[in-house]
Protein backbone atom coordinates (compact mmCIF):
# COMPACT_ATOMS: atom_id res chain seq x y z
CA MET A 1 125.52 84.19 98.95
CA LYS A 2 122.26 82.72 97.70
CA ILE A 3 119.56 82.01 100.28
CA THR A 4 119.70 78.34 99.29
CA HIS A 5 123.26 78.32 100.69
CA TRP A 6 122.11 79.65 104.06
CA PRO A 7 121.62 77.32 107.04
CA ILE A 8 118.10 75.88 106.76
CA GLN A 9 116.93 77.42 110.04
CA GLU A 10 117.79 80.92 108.75
CA ARG A 11 115.93 80.70 105.42
CA PRO A 12 112.69 82.77 105.45
CA ARG A 13 110.45 80.04 104.02
CA GLU A 14 111.71 77.39 106.42
CA LYS A 15 111.40 79.79 109.37
CA LEU A 16 107.79 80.49 108.40
CA LEU A 17 106.97 76.79 108.11
CA HIS A 18 108.54 75.88 111.43
CA HIS A 19 107.76 78.96 113.55
CA GLY A 20 104.87 80.79 111.87
CA ALA A 21 104.65 83.95 109.77
CA ASP A 22 104.42 86.20 112.83
CA LYS A 23 108.00 85.26 113.81
CA LEU A 24 109.51 86.70 110.60
CA SER A 25 110.80 90.23 110.19
CA ASP A 26 109.33 92.60 107.60
CA ALA A 27 112.36 91.97 105.38
CA GLU A 28 111.98 88.20 105.62
CA LEU A 29 108.27 88.31 104.77
CA LEU A 30 108.96 90.63 101.87
CA ALA A 31 111.77 88.34 100.68
CA ILE A 32 109.30 85.45 100.43
CA PHE A 33 107.08 87.69 98.32
CA ILE A 34 110.00 88.77 96.08
CA ASN A 35 110.93 85.09 95.82
CA THR A 36 114.20 85.30 93.90
CA GLY A 37 117.17 87.62 94.05
CA THR A 38 119.30 89.17 91.35
CA LYS A 39 122.82 88.39 90.20
CA ASP A 40 124.36 90.53 92.94
CA MET A 41 121.68 90.52 95.68
CA ASP A 42 119.67 87.79 97.41
CA ALA A 43 115.94 88.22 98.07
CA VAL A 44 116.41 89.29 101.70
CA SER A 45 118.92 91.96 100.70
CA LEU A 46 116.53 93.21 98.03
CA ALA A 47 113.76 93.34 100.63
CA ARG A 48 115.91 95.29 103.07
CA GLN A 49 116.87 97.74 100.31
CA ALA A 50 113.21 98.22 99.38
CA LEU A 51 112.26 98.89 103.00
CA GLU A 52 115.03 101.46 103.25
CA ASP A 53 114.04 103.15 99.98
CA PHE A 54 110.29 103.28 100.73
CA GLY A 55 110.58 103.93 104.46
CA SER A 56 108.08 101.32 105.63
CA LEU A 57 106.30 98.13 104.67
CA ARG A 58 103.02 100.00 104.31
CA ASN A 59 104.58 102.45 101.86
CA ILE A 60 105.64 99.50 99.71
CA MET A 61 102.16 97.93 99.85
CA THR A 62 100.47 101.17 98.77
CA ALA A 63 103.03 102.50 96.28
CA SER A 64 102.07 103.32 92.72
CA LYS A 65 102.49 100.82 89.92
CA LYS A 66 105.18 102.96 88.31
CA ARG A 67 107.29 103.16 91.45
CA LEU A 68 106.95 99.48 92.31
CA LEU A 69 107.93 98.37 88.83
CA ALA A 70 111.06 100.51 89.16
CA THR A 71 112.06 98.58 92.30
CA LYS A 72 114.59 95.76 92.04
CA GLY A 73 112.95 92.37 92.41
CA VAL A 74 109.41 93.59 91.67
CA GLY A 75 108.32 92.94 88.10
CA LEU A 76 104.84 93.00 86.63
CA ALA A 77 104.00 89.53 87.97
CA ARG A 78 104.94 90.56 91.53
CA TYR A 79 102.94 93.79 91.21
CA VAL A 80 99.85 91.82 90.13
CA LEU A 81 100.33 89.38 93.02
CA LEU A 82 100.61 92.27 95.49
CA GLN A 83 97.41 93.90 94.26
CA ALA A 84 95.57 90.59 94.42
CA SER A 85 96.80 90.02 97.99
CA LEU A 86 95.63 93.47 99.11
CA GLU A 87 92.21 92.96 97.56
CA LEU A 88 91.88 89.51 99.15
CA HIS A 89 92.61 91.12 102.52
CA ARG A 90 89.95 93.79 101.99
CA ARG A 91 87.36 91.24 100.90
CA SER A 92 88.12 88.91 103.79
CA MET A 93 87.49 91.78 106.19
CA THR A 94 84.16 92.47 104.50
CA GLU A 95 83.17 88.80 104.80
CA MET A 96 84.08 88.84 108.48
CA MET A 97 81.87 91.86 109.06
CA ILE A 98 78.96 90.24 107.24
CA ARG A 99 79.26 87.02 109.25
CA GLU A 100 80.19 88.27 112.68
CA GLN A 101 79.63 91.95 113.19
CA SER A 102 76.83 94.39 113.47
CA PHE A 103 77.73 98.06 113.40
CA THR A 104 76.18 99.01 116.71
CA LYS A 105 79.19 100.99 117.93
CA ALA A 106 81.14 103.75 116.22
CA GLU A 107 84.45 101.98 116.94
CA GLN A 108 83.43 98.91 114.92
CA ALA A 109 82.55 100.95 111.86
CA SER A 110 85.56 103.20 112.29
CA GLN A 111 88.09 100.35 112.28
CA TYR A 112 86.50 98.71 109.28
CA LEU A 113 86.35 101.94 107.26
CA ILE A 114 89.94 102.87 108.07
CA SER A 115 91.10 99.51 106.71
CA GLN A 116 89.12 100.07 103.51
CA LEU A 117 89.86 103.75 102.84
CA ARG A 118 93.11 104.83 104.47
CA ASP A 119 95.30 103.97 101.47
CA LYS A 120 93.14 105.49 98.74
CA SER A 121 95.06 108.15 96.80
CA ARG A 122 91.85 109.89 95.70
CA GLU A 123 88.74 110.85 97.61
CA VAL A 124 86.15 108.07 97.62
CA PHE A 125 82.62 108.26 99.04
CA VAL A 126 81.25 104.96 100.31
CA VAL A 127 78.01 103.76 101.84
CA LEU A 128 77.66 100.78 104.16
CA MET A 129 74.25 99.25 103.51
CA LEU A 130 72.87 97.72 106.72
CA ASP A 131 69.88 95.60 107.63
CA SER A 132 67.53 96.25 110.55
CA GLN A 133 70.05 94.63 112.94
CA HIS A 134 72.77 96.90 111.57
CA GLN A 135 74.64 94.01 109.98
CA LEU A 136 76.45 94.70 106.75
CA ILE A 137 74.56 93.95 103.55
CA ALA A 138 77.05 95.56 101.19
CA TYR A 139 80.00 97.92 101.02
CA ARG A 140 79.39 100.34 98.16
CA GLU A 141 81.97 102.72 96.71
CA MET A 142 79.48 105.15 95.26
CA PHE A 143 81.59 108.05 94.03
CA SER A 144 85.26 108.85 93.47
CA GLY A 145 86.99 112.08 92.60
CA THR A 146 90.26 113.94 92.91
CA ILE A 147 92.78 114.18 95.72
CA ASP A 148 90.58 116.61 97.65
CA SER A 149 86.98 116.26 96.47
CA ALA A 150 84.33 113.92 95.05
CA ALA A 151 80.94 114.79 93.59
CA VAL A 152 78.17 113.08 95.58
CA TYR A 153 74.58 112.59 94.39
CA PRO A 154 72.00 111.77 97.11
CA ARG A 155 69.54 110.42 94.53
CA GLU A 156 72.00 107.68 93.52
CA ILE A 157 72.51 106.72 97.15
CA VAL A 158 68.74 106.42 97.66
CA LYS A 159 68.44 104.29 94.54
CA GLN A 160 71.21 101.91 95.62
CA ALA A 161 69.93 101.67 99.20
CA LEU A 162 66.49 100.65 97.94
CA GLU A 163 68.02 98.05 95.61
CA ASP A 164 69.99 96.62 98.55
CA ASN A 165 66.87 96.67 100.75
CA ALA A 166 68.81 98.59 103.40
CA ALA A 167 67.13 99.68 106.63
CA ALA A 168 70.01 101.93 107.63
CA VAL A 169 73.28 103.22 106.20
CA ILE A 170 76.63 104.52 107.35
CA LEU A 171 78.30 107.11 105.13
CA ALA A 172 82.04 107.55 104.83
CA HIS A 173 84.65 109.24 102.73
CA ASN A 174 88.39 109.60 102.98
CA HIS A 175 90.63 112.65 103.07
CA PRO A 176 93.89 111.62 101.33
CA SER A 177 95.59 114.50 103.15
CA GLY A 178 95.16 112.51 106.37
CA HIS A 179 93.17 115.23 108.14
CA THR A 180 89.77 114.11 109.39
CA GLU A 181 88.10 117.40 110.31
CA PRO A 182 84.72 117.57 108.48
CA SER A 183 84.44 120.47 106.06
CA GLN A 184 81.38 122.64 105.53
CA ALA A 185 80.82 120.79 102.26
CA ASP A 186 80.90 117.48 104.17
CA LYS A 187 78.26 118.75 106.59
CA TYR A 188 76.09 120.09 103.78
CA ILE A 189 76.05 116.90 101.70
CA THR A 190 75.41 114.81 104.82
CA GLU A 191 72.30 116.85 105.58
CA LYS A 192 71.07 116.43 102.00
CA ILE A 193 71.59 112.64 102.11
CA VAL A 194 69.84 112.35 105.49
CA GLN A 195 66.85 114.25 104.11
CA ALA A 196 66.73 112.18 100.91
CA LEU A 197 66.91 108.83 102.71
CA ALA A 198 64.34 109.89 105.31
CA LEU A 199 61.77 110.10 102.51
CA VAL A 200 62.08 106.31 102.07
CA ASP A 201 62.45 105.50 105.79
CA ILE A 202 66.15 104.69 105.71
CA ILE A 203 68.20 105.93 108.68
CA VAL A 204 71.67 107.44 108.42
CA LEU A 205 73.49 106.16 111.50
CA ASP A 206 76.75 108.02 110.99
CA HIS A 207 79.15 109.66 108.57
CA PHE A 208 82.89 109.05 108.99
CA VAL A 209 85.73 111.13 107.61
CA VAL A 210 88.69 108.76 107.30
CA GLY A 211 92.29 109.86 107.45
CA ASP A 212 95.59 108.03 107.69
CA SER A 213 94.99 106.11 110.91
CA GLN A 214 91.86 107.60 112.43
CA ALA A 215 88.29 108.52 111.54
CA THR A 216 86.02 111.30 112.76
CA SER A 217 82.40 110.34 113.52
CA PHE A 218 79.64 112.85 112.78
CA ALA A 219 77.43 111.13 115.35
CA GLN A 220 80.01 111.41 118.11
CA ARG A 221 80.54 115.07 117.21
CA GLY A 222 76.82 115.74 117.46
CA LEU A 223 76.62 116.59 113.75
CA LEU A 224 73.82 114.09 113.03
């Protein structure tokens, strides 16, 4: 049965309009995104099948282009819309940090960096450029690499920090494996960056190693 034949109060779009998006199930929200069903399955059924196949809503949101395009109900247009939605979410979080937050506590930086880096499939090294009040000037993805490493050049970080007129920075990189224990290489490059930035009076407040749902702080570990 097509969704248009359902009672109005049970249709996902009408439920969202009358009760709010937070009252819908994952399948119902995904059905609105999918929009239309196929000849033999309505949009909600397609959504439920996708959730079963991928295992979770997050796995759908972070799946590869190839796998998503092989999923019923998700064509190229839906894939593009999904990527745009994810990027809008990331940018809105950055704007919120610029307007409202200063990174004066490790927990603030940790939550922000997890949201930005947890779903990266390759290792990415980022620098948060901060002003003298530790408010965010810019989020910079400086280097990217393979699934387990990324080449990092302190000189480039110094150059970018000076261009951004940063007074302090927070370093971060992800471990796609999900493990957040700093490696010896992580400790070594952190020391080199601290030394390089000290020459131009820029402070390194912390370095976070981001995993799946947590981040390890060098400062809290006494490594800075």
